[in-house]
């Protein structure tokens, strides 16, 4: 059975790009969210196997959303996808509970590698 993925990014273009890579890699995209508040709601509703999470978003950022999702499900598999490759952000995301961190602009192979890594 294909692993179910929730894509969280405020940029429609990024969601489209990720959706294309994820579905081509054999995963099923079950939902999309445009900010952290939506991400938490959709996580509760859809219970995906994996979440790709942007950091810089309106209403609630990715770090806050990771913390909230981890409160709901301590075993959540979250991969951060962000242009903010600063060391501090990476560390903060991992401390919040992210399993991997992909820096935009990303390579398709890097996204697939991260998905495969967390879905084991």
C-alpha atoms as a PDB file:
ATOM      1  CA  UNK A   1       0.000   0.000   0.000  1.00  0.00           C
ATOM      2  CA  UNK A   2       1.309   3.432  -0.921  1.00  0.00           C
ATOM      3  CA  UNK A   3       2.379   5.672   1.926  1.00  0.00           C
ATOM      4  CA  UNK A   4       0.079   8.672   2.356  1.00  0.00           C
ATOM      5  CA  UNK A   5       1.625  12.155   2.262  1.00  0.00           C
ATOM      6  CA  UNK A   6       0.353  15.576   3.381  1.00  0.00           C
ATOM      7  CA  UNK A   7       2.057  18.526   1.647  1.00  0.00           C
ATOM      8  CA  UNK A   8       2.278  21.780   3.603  1.00  0.00           C
ATOM      9  CA  UNK A   9       3.525  24.915   1.799  1.00  0.00           C
ATOM     10  CA  UNK A  10       2.058  28.379   1.319  1.00  0.00           C
ATOM     11  CA  UNK A  11       3.256  28.496  -2.313  1.00  0.00           C
ATOM     12  CA  UNK A  12       0.930  26.740  -4.768  1.00  0.00           C
ATOM     13  CA  UNK A  13       3.841  26.196  -7.172  1.00  0.00           C
ATOM     14  CA  UNK A  14       5.849  24.368  -4.496  1.00  0.00           C
ATOM     15  CA  UNK A  15       2.901  22.150  -3.579  1.00  0.00           C
ATOM     16  CA  UNK A  16       2.435  21.289  -7.242  1.00  0.00           C
ATOM     17  CA  UNK A  17       6.142  20.514  -7.668  1.00  0.00           C
ATOM     18  CA  UNK A  18       6.255  18.327  -4.556  1.00  0.00           C
ATOM     19  CA  UNK A  19       3.031  16.547  -5.490  1.00  0.00           C
ATOM     20  CA  UNK A  20       4.526  15.645  -8.865  1.00  0.00           C
ATOM     21  CA  UNK A  21       7.754  14.276  -7.328  1.00  0.00           C
ATOM     22  CA  UNK A  22       5.909  12.422  -4.549  1.00  0.00           C
ATOM     23  CA  UNK A  23       3.352  10.718  -6.798  1.00  0.00           C
ATOM     24  CA  UNK A  24       6.035   9.739  -9.340  1.00  0.00           C
ATOM     25  CA  UNK A  25       7.956   8.115  -6.467  1.00  0.00           C
ATOM     26  CA  UNK A  26       4.941   5.895  -5.760  1.00  0.00           C
ATOM     27  CA  UNK A  27       3.495   7.741  -2.782  1.00  0.00           C
ATOM     28  CA  UNK A  28      -0.086   8.979  -2.491  1.00  0.00           C
ATOM     29  CA  UNK A  29      -0.723  12.679  -1.793  1.00  0.00           C
ATOM     30  CA  UNK A  30      -3.803  12.705   0.466  1.00  0.00           C
ATOM     31  CA  UNK A  31      -3.966  16.426   1.147  1.00  0.00           C
ATOM     32  CA  UNK A  32      -2.409  19.867   0.959  1.00  0.00           C
ATOM     33  CA  UNK A  33      -2.286  22.717   3.452  1.00  0.00           C
ATOM     34  CA  UNK A  34      -1.210  26.336   2.981  1.00  0.00           C
ATOM     35  CA  UNK A  35      -0.213  27.161   6.570  1.00  0.00           C
ATOM     36  CA  UNK A  36       0.537  25.593   9.943  1.00  0.00           C
ATOM     37  CA  UNK A  37      -3.020  25.916  11.263  1.00  0.00           C
ATOM     38  CA  UNK A  38      -4.377  24.024   8.236  1.00  0.00           C
ATOM     39  CA  UNK A  39      -1.550  21.494   8.526  1.00  0.00           C
ATOM     40  CA  UNK A  40      -2.521  20.569  12.087  1.00  0.00           C
ATOM     41  CA  UNK A  41      -6.237  20.297  11.163  1.00  0.00           C
ATOM     42  CA  UNK A  42      -5.514  18.184   8.078  1.00  0.00           C
ATOM     43  CA  UNK A  43      -3.135  15.959  10.039  1.00  0.00           C
ATOM     44  CA  UNK A  44      -5.912  15.154  12.531  1.00  0.00           C
ATOM     45  CA  UNK A  45      -8.400  14.576   9.729  1.00  0.00           C
ATOM     46  CA  UNK A  46      -6.251  12.614   7.240  1.00  0.00           C
ATOM     47  CA  UNK A  47      -3.703  10.889   9.503  1.00  0.00           C
ATOM     48  CA  UNK A  48      -1.010  10.773   6.780  1.00  0.00           C
ATOM     49  CA  UNK A  49       2.107   8.586   7.033  1.00  0.00           C
ATOM     50  CA  UNK A  50       4.425  11.466   6.082  1.00  0.00           C
ATOM     51  CA  UNK A  51       4.199  15.276   6.128  1.00  0.00           C
ATOM     52  CA  UNK A  52       6.351  17.641   4.055  1.00  0.00           C
ATOM     53  CA  UNK A  53       6.467  20.936   5.958  1.00  0.00           C
ATOM     54  CA  UNK A  54       7.531  24.414   4.870  1.00  0.00           C
ATOM     55  CA  UNK A  55       8.856  26.680   7.643  1.00  0.00           C
ATOM     56  CA  UNK A  56       7.944  30.214   6.615  1.00  0.00           C
ATOM     57  CA  UNK A  57       4.149  30.399   6.331  1.00  0.00           C
ATOM     58  CA  UNK A  58       1.361  32.763   7.416  1.00  0.00           C
ATOM     59  CA  UNK A  59      -0.747  32.209  10.577  1.00  0.00           C
ATOM     60  CA  UNK A  60       1.447  29.475  12.069  1.00  0.00           C
ATOM     61  CA  UNK A  61       4.973  28.649  10.936  1.00  0.00           C
ATOM     62  CA  UNK A  62       6.293  25.162  10.255  1.00  0.00           C
ATOM     63  CA  UNK A  63       8.192  24.835  13.543  1.00  0.00           C
ATOM     64  CA  UNK A  64       5.016  25.539  15.559  1.00  0.00           C
ATOM     65  CA  UNK A  65       3.018  23.159  13.347  1.00  0.00           C
ATOM     66  CA  UNK A  66       5.623  20.392  13.846  1.00  0.00           C
ATOM     67  CA  UNK A  67       5.332  20.808  17.639  1.00  0.00           C
ATOM     68  CA  UNK A  68       1.522  20.668  17.509  1.00  0.00           C
ATOM     69  CA  UNK A  69       1.475  17.622  15.219  1.00  0.00           C
ATOM     70  CA  UNK A  70       4.003  15.869  17.479  1.00  0.00           C
ATOM     71  CA  UNK A  71       1.659  16.534  20.457  1.00  0.00           C
ATOM     72  CA  UNK A  72      -1.135  14.752  18.554  1.00  0.00           C
ATOM     73  CA  UNK A  73       1.117  11.977  17.241  1.00  0.00           C
ATOM     74  CA  UNK A  74       4.602  11.568  18.750  1.00  0.00           C
ATOM     75  CA  UNK A  75       5.487   9.158  15.901  1.00  0.00           C
ATOM     76  CA  UNK A  76       4.638  11.593  13.085  1.00  0.00           C
ATOM     77  CA  UNK A  77       7.077  11.492  10.144  1.00  0.00           C
ATOM     78  CA  UNK A  78       7.748  15.092   9.180  1.00  0.00           C
ATOM     79  CA  UNK A  79      10.194  16.239   6.504  1.00  0.00           C
ATOM     80  CA  UNK A  80      10.922  19.951   6.453  1.00  0.00           C
ATOM     81  CA  UNK A  81      11.132  21.485   2.959  1.00  0.00           C
ATOM     82  CA  UNK A  82      12.336  25.044   3.246  1.00  0.00           C
ATOM     83  CA  UNK A  83      14.486  27.642   1.547  1.00  0.00           C
ATOM     84  CA  UNK A  84      15.730  28.624   4.969  1.00  0.00           C
ATOM     85  CA  UNK A  85      18.839  26.519   5.107  1.00  0.00           C
ATOM     86  CA  UNK A  86      20.343  28.378   8.043  1.00  0.00           C
ATOM     87  CA  UNK A  87      21.856  26.091  10.613  1.00  0.00           C
ATOM     88  CA  UNK A  88      19.640  27.415  13.423  1.00  0.00           C
ATOM     89  CA  UNK A  89      16.440  26.663  11.500  1.00  0.00           C
ATOM     90  CA  UNK A  90      17.573  23.141  10.670  1.00  0.00           C
ATOM     91  CA  UNK A  91      18.448  22.482  14.311  1.00  0.00           C
ATOM     92  CA  UNK A  92      15.163  23.987  15.524  1.00  0.00           C
ATOM     93  CA  UNK A  93      13.142  21.895  13.062  1.00  0.00           C
ATOM     94  CA  UNK A  94      14.927  18.684  14.069  1.00  0.00           C
ATOM     95  CA  UNK A  95      14.537  19.498  17.777  1.00  0.00           C
ATOM     96  CA  UNK A  96      10.830  20.118  17.203  1.00  0.00           C
ATOM     97  CA  UNK A  97      10.610  16.593  15.803  1.00  0.00           C
ATOM     98  CA  UNK A  98      11.309  16.723  12.058  1.00  0.00           C
ATOM     99  CA  UNK A  99      12.957  13.556  10.724  1.00  0.00           C
ATOM    100  CA  UNK A 100      14.726  15.210   7.783  1.00  0.00           C
ATOM    101  CA  UNK A 101      15.370  18.615   6.232  1.00  0.00           C
ATOM    102  CA  UNK A 102      15.399  19.402   2.512  1.00  0.00           C
ATOM    103  CA  UNK A 103      16.613  22.813   1.369  1.00  0.00           C
ATOM    104  CA  UNK A 104      14.839  24.540  -1.549  1.00  0.00           C
ATOM    105  CA  UNK A 105      15.464  24.549  -4.423  1.00  0.00           C
ATOM    106  CA  UNK A 106      15.647  20.789  -4.006  1.00  0.00           C
ATOM    107  CA  UNK A 107      16.617  17.947  -6.282  1.00  0.00           C
ATOM    108  CA  UNK A 108      13.937  15.383  -7.055  1.00  0.00           C
ATOM    109  CA  UNK A 109      16.278  12.593  -5.924  1.00  0.00           C
ATOM    110  CA  UNK A 110      16.775  14.288  -2.530  1.00  0.00           C
ATOM    111  CA  UNK A 111      13.005  14.448  -1.933  1.00  0.00           C
ATOM    112  CA  UNK A 112      12.581  10.760  -2.840  1.00  0.00           C
ATOM    113  CA  UNK A 113      15.545   9.836  -0.623  1.00  0.00           C
ATOM    114  CA  UNK A 114      13.987  11.671   2.349  1.00  0.00           C
ATOM    115  CA  UNK A 115      10.572  10.030   1.753  1.00  0.00           C
ATOM    116  CA  UNK A 116      12.118   6.578   1.538  1.00  0.00           C
ATOM    117  CA  UNK A 117      14.204   7.220   4.659  1.00  0.00           C
ATOM    118  CA  UNK A 118      11.281   8.189   6.886  1.00  0.00           C
ATOM    119  CA  UNK A 119       8.849   5.619   5.502  1.00  0.00           C
ATOM    120  CA  UNK A 120      10.914   2.618   6.592  1.00  0.00           C
END
